Amino acid sequence: MCGMNAVRSPMAAFITCQLFPQQIYVRSCGVRDGEPDPFVEAVMQEIGCDISKHRPQTFEDLDESGFDLVITLAPEAHHKALEMTRTEAVDVEYWPTPDPTVATGSREQILDSYRQVRDLLMARIKKRFGWSPAPSG
């Protein structure tokens, strides 16, 4: 969960699905509606994730319950998740994650900011869920 479900939380959701196919049930959402971000699409394509069909949604849009864990990536998302889950038996973890949309400079400098967030999320997800590469051969 992040602010607008357009950058950080979709990255995290797609990375998790890529690393743990059919092993972890994942949904992403935001505090409020956002718009798809072309820089996210570009940096995710670099690692083989096609997120072009992702449409931002809010926590209320999910229309689901029964999650074991909610990971929040922005302060406003963390507060919202705690509020929305206060009567449920669900763990909420806060992973402070930079917002790459504030990056300035050339297109390549902006893409580098998005790549840094993508790579940070990938490392956190691998560590949190105990990812290990598939044996080769």
C-alpha atoms as a PDB file:
ATOM      1  CA  MET A   1       0.000   0.000   0.000  1.00  0.00           C
ATOM      2  CA  CYS A   2       1.286   3.460  -0.910  1.00  0.00           C
ATOM      3  CA  GLY A   3      -0.102   6.919  -1.584  1.00  0.00           C
ATOM      4  CA  MET A   4      -1.730   6.562  -5.005  1.00  0.00           C
ATOM      5  CA  ASN A   5      -1.072   2.954  -6.059  1.00  0.00           C
ATOM      6  CA  ALA A   6       0.793   4.208  -9.099  1.00  0.00           C
ATOM      7  CA  VAL A   7       4.492   3.759  -8.303  1.00  0.00           C
ATOM      8  CA  ARG A   8       5.765   1.983  -5.185  1.00  0.00           C
ATOM      9  CA  SER A   9       2.984  -0.477  -4.344  1.00  0.00           C
ATOM     10  CA  PRO A  10       2.490  -1.746  -7.922  1.00  0.00           C
ATOM     11  CA  MET A  11       6.260  -2.211  -8.203  1.00  0.00           C
ATOM     12  CA  ALA A  12       6.268  -4.211  -4.969  1.00  0.00           C
ATOM     13  CA  ALA A  13       3.256  -6.303  -5.972  1.00  0.00           C
ATOM     14  CA  PHE A  14       4.598  -7.211  -9.404  1.00  0.00           C
ATOM     15  CA  ILE A  15       8.076  -7.967  -8.036  1.00  0.00           C
ATOM     16  CA  THR A  16       6.567 -10.238  -5.377  1.00  0.00           C
ATOM     17  CA  CYS A  17       4.500 -12.079  -7.977  1.00  0.00           C
ATOM     18  CA  GLN A  18       7.579 -12.458 -10.185  1.00  0.00           C
ATOM     19  CA  LEU A  19       9.761 -13.794  -7.346  1.00  0.00           C
ATOM     20  CA  PHE A  20       7.079 -16.010  -5.776  1.00  0.00           C
ATOM     21  CA  PRO A  21       4.774 -17.122  -8.611  1.00  0.00           C
ATOM     22  CA  GLN A  22       1.587 -18.718  -7.279  1.00  0.00           C
ATOM     23  CA  GLN A  23       3.072 -18.777  -3.761  1.00  0.00           C
ATOM     24  CA  ILE A  24       1.994 -15.468  -2.234  1.00  0.00           C
ATOM     25  CA  TYR A  25      -1.405 -13.828  -2.739  1.00  0.00           C
ATOM     26  CA  VAL A  26      -0.701 -10.153  -3.438  1.00  0.00           C
ATOM     27  CA  ARG A  27      -2.855  -7.092  -4.071  1.00  0.00           C
ATOM     28  CA  SER A  28      -1.740  -3.486  -4.168  1.00  0.00           C
ATOM     29  CA  CYS A  29      -3.654  -0.323  -3.407  1.00  0.00           C
ATOM     30  CA  GLY A  30      -3.257   3.275  -2.373  1.00  0.00           C
ATOM     31  CA  VAL A  31      -4.775   5.784  -0.023  1.00  0.00           C
ATOM     32  CA  ARG A  32      -6.275   7.620  -2.996  1.00  0.00           C
ATOM     33  CA  ASP A  33      -6.618   7.129  -6.749  1.00  0.00           C
ATOM     34  CA  GLY A  34      -3.597   7.842  -8.902  1.00  0.00           C
ATOM     35  CA  GLU A  35      -2.734   7.651 -12.564  1.00  0.00           C
ATOM     36  CA  PRO A  36      -0.490   5.050 -14.253  1.00  0.00           C
ATOM     37  CA  ASP A  37       3.122   6.229 -14.356  1.00  0.00           C
ATOM     38  CA  PRO A  38       5.121   5.651 -17.566  1.00  0.00           C
ATOM     39  CA  PHE A  39       8.442   5.650 -15.688  1.00  0.00           C
ATOM     40  CA  VAL A  40       7.227   2.721 -13.559  1.00  0.00           C
ATOM     41  CA  GLU A  41       6.241   0.859 -16.687  1.00  0.00           C
ATOM     42  CA  ALA A  42       9.689   1.472 -18.210  1.00  0.00           C
ATOM     43  CA  VAL A  43      11.787   0.335 -15.233  1.00  0.00           C
ATOM     44  CA  MET A  44       9.607  -2.686 -14.574  1.00  0.00           C
ATOM     45  CA  GLN A  45       9.872  -3.718 -18.224  1.00  0.00           C
ATOM     46  CA  GLU A  46      13.661  -3.762 -17.724  1.00  0.00           C
ATOM     47  CA  ILE A  47      13.245  -6.693 -15.314  1.00  0.00           C
ATOM     48  CA  GLY A  48      10.651  -8.507 -17.401  1.00  0.00           C
ATOM     49  CA  CYS A  49       7.491  -7.231 -15.677  1.00  0.00           C
ATOM     50  CA  ASP A  50       4.718  -5.937 -17.899  1.00  0.00           C
ATOM     51  CA  ILE A  51       2.587  -3.718 -15.689  1.00  0.00           C
ATOM     52  CA  SER A  52       0.862  -1.873 -18.535  1.00  0.00           C
ATOM     53  CA  LYS A  53      -2.542  -3.239 -17.503  1.00  0.00           C
ATOM     54  CA  HIS A  54      -2.240  -2.047 -13.886  1.00  0.00           C
ATOM     55  CA  ARG A  55      -4.909   0.453 -12.896  1.00  0.00           C
ATOM     56  CA  PRO A  56      -4.497   2.269  -9.569  1.00  0.00           C
ATOM     57  CA  GLN A  57      -7.043   1.477  -6.908  1.00  0.00           C
ATOM     58  CA  THR A  58      -7.718   2.413  -3.313  1.00  0.00           C
ATOM     59  CA  PHE A  59      -7.896   0.173  -0.255  1.00  0.00           C
ATOM     60  CA  GLU A  60     -11.690   0.442  -0.438  1.00  0.00           C
ATOM     61  CA  ASP A  61     -11.650  -0.680  -4.084  1.00  0.00           C
ATOM     62  CA  LEU A  62     -10.081  -4.011  -3.147  1.00  0.00           C
ATOM     63  CA  ASP A  63     -13.351  -5.321  -1.729  1.00  0.00           C
ATOM     64  CA  GLU A  64     -11.374  -8.089  -0.068  1.00  0.00           C
ATOM     65  CA  SER A  65     -10.414  -9.065   3.445  1.00  0.00           C
ATOM     66  CA  GLY A  66      -8.525 -11.839   5.139  1.00  0.00           C
ATOM     67  CA  PHE A  67      -5.023 -10.581   4.465  1.00  0.00           C
ATOM     68  CA  ASP A  68      -2.296 -11.826   6.793  1.00  0.00           C
ATOM     69  CA  LEU A  69       0.039  -8.914   6.143  1.00  0.00           C
ATOM     70  CA  VAL A  70      -0.198  -5.356   4.871  1.00  0.00           C
ATOM     71  CA  ILE A  71       3.063  -3.691   3.907  1.00  0.00           C
ATOM     72  CA  THR A  72       2.943   0.073   3.686  1.00  0.00           C
ATOM     73  CA  LEU A  73       5.482   2.120   1.758  1.00  0.00           C
ATOM     74  CA  ALA A  74       4.487   5.698   2.646  1.00  0.00           C
ATOM     75  CA  PRO A  75       3.519   7.349   5.944  1.00  0.00           C
ATOM     76  CA  GLU A  76      -0.042   8.167   4.842  1.00  0.00           C
ATOM     77  CA  ALA A  77      -0.521   4.578   3.689  1.00  0.00           C
ATOM     78  CA  HIS A  78       0.720   3.273   7.034  1.00  0.00           C
ATOM     79  CA  HIS A  79      -1.761   5.395   8.976  1.00  0.00           C
ATOM     80  CA  LYS A  80      -4.591   4.344   6.653  1.00  0.00           C
ATOM     81  CA  ALA A  81      -3.692   0.656   6.927  1.00  0.00           C
ATOM     82  CA  LEU A  82      -3.623   0.808  10.721  1.00  0.00           C
ATOM     83  CA  GLU A  83      -7.007   2.531  10.695  1.00  0.00           C
ATOM     84  CA  MET A  84      -8.551   0.088   8.203  1.00  0.00           C
ATOM     85  CA  THR A  85      -7.259  -3.050   9.936  1.00  0.00           C
ATOM     86  CA  ARG A  86      -7.634  -2.105  13.604  1.00  0.00           C
ATOM     87  CA  THR A  87     -10.411  -4.657  14.142  1.00  0.00           C
ATOM     88  CA  GLU A  88      -8.717  -7.430  12.151  1.00  0.00           C
ATOM     89  CA  ALA A  89      -5.982  -9.905  13.024  1.00  0.00           C
ATOM     90  CA  VAL A  90      -3.504  -8.670  10.436  1.00  0.00           C
ATOM     91  CA  ASP A  91       0.112  -7.586  10.715  1.00  0.00           C
ATOM     92  CA  VAL A  92       1.009  -4.173   9.312  1.00  0.00           C
ATOM     93  CA  GLU A  93       4.639  -3.438   8.467  1.00  0.00           C
ATOM     94  CA  TYR A  94       6.007  -0.058   7.456  1.00  0.00           C
ATOM     95  CA  TRP A  95       8.824  -0.031   4.896  1.00  0.00           C
ATOM     96  CA  PRO A  96       9.794   3.623   4.414  1.00  0.00           C
ATOM     97  CA  THR A  97      10.379   3.938   0.674  1.00  0.00           C
ATOM     98  CA  PRO A  98      11.497   7.055  -1.209  1.00  0.00           C
ATOM     99  CA  ASP A  99       9.070   8.624  -3.669  1.00  0.00           C
ATOM    100  CA  PRO A 100      10.810   8.696  -7.068  1.00  0.00           C
ATOM    101  CA  THR A 101       8.199  11.038  -8.539  1.00  0.00           C
ATOM    102  CA  VAL A 102       9.989  13.965  -6.884  1.00  0.00           C
ATOM    103  CA  ALA A 103      13.155  13.307  -8.922  1.00  0.00           C
ATOM    104  CA  THR A 104      14.281  16.005 -11.320  1.00  0.00           C
ATOM    105  CA  GLY A 105      16.812  16.184 -14.113  1.00  0.00           C
ATOM    106  CA  SER A 106      17.124  14.364 -17.394  1.00  0.00           C
ATOM    107  CA  ARG A 107      14.927  11.417 -18.324  1.00  0.00           C
ATOM    108  CA  GLU A 108      17.816   9.082 -17.461  1.00  0.00           C
ATOM    109  CA  GLN A 109      18.288  10.692 -14.022  1.00  0.00           C
ATOM    110  CA  ILE A 110      14.585  10.311 -13.294  1.00  0.00           C
ATOM    111  CA  LEU A 111      14.633   6.687 -14.477  1.00  0.00           C
ATOM    112  CA  ASP A 112      17.609   6.068 -12.167  1.00  0.00           C
ATOM    113  CA  SER A 113      15.503   7.251  -9.207  1.00  0.00           C
ATOM    114  CA  TYR A 114      12.771   4.797 -10.168  1.00  0.00           C
ATOM    115  CA  ARG A 115      15.335   2.015 -10.610  1.00  0.00           C
ATOM    116  CA  GLN A 116      16.711   2.673  -7.129  1.00  0.00           C
ATOM    117  CA  VAL A 117      13.231   2.316  -5.627  1.00  0.00           C
ATOM    118  CA  ARG A 118      12.562  -0.826  -7.690  1.00  0.00           C
ATOM    119  CA  ASP A 119      15.839  -2.399  -6.577  1.00  0.00           C
ATOM    120  CA  LEU A 120      15.294  -1.394  -2.935  1.00  0.00           C
ATOM    121  CA  LEU A 121      11.855  -3.016  -2.970  1.00  0.00           C
ATOM    122  CA  MET A 122      13.223  -6.148  -4.618  1.00  0.00           C
ATOM    123  CA  ALA A 123      15.918  -6.512  -1.950  1.00  0.00           C
ATOM    124  CA  ARG A 124      13.409  -5.982   0.885  1.00  0.00           C
ATOM    125  CA  ILE A 125      10.949  -8.465  -0.591  1.00  0.00           C
ATOM    126  CA  LYS A 126      13.647 -11.103  -1.076  1.00  0.00           C
ATOM    127  CA  LYS A 127      14.824 -10.689   2.499  1.00  0.00           C
ATOM    128  CA  ARG A 128      11.358 -10.520   4.111  1.00  0.00           C
ATOM    129  CA  PHE A 129       9.996 -13.594   2.357  1.00  0.00           C
ATOM    130  CA  GLY A 130      13.201 -15.668   2.187  1.00  0.00           C
ATOM    131  CA  TRP A 131      13.644 -15.774  -1.563  1.00  0.00           C
ATOM    132  CA  SER A 132      16.360 -17.984  -2.977  1.00  0.00           C
ATOM    133  CA  PRO A 133      17.167 -18.587  -6.638  1.00  0.00           C
ATOM    134  CA  ALA A 134      15.874 -21.748  -8.220  1.00  0.00           C
ATOM    135  CA  PRO A 135      18.542 -24.437  -8.551  1.00  0.00           C
ATOM    136  CA  SER A 136      20.007 -24.517 -12.022  1.00  0.00           C
ATOM    137  CA  GLY A 137      20.473 -27.617 -14.107  1.00  0.00           C
END
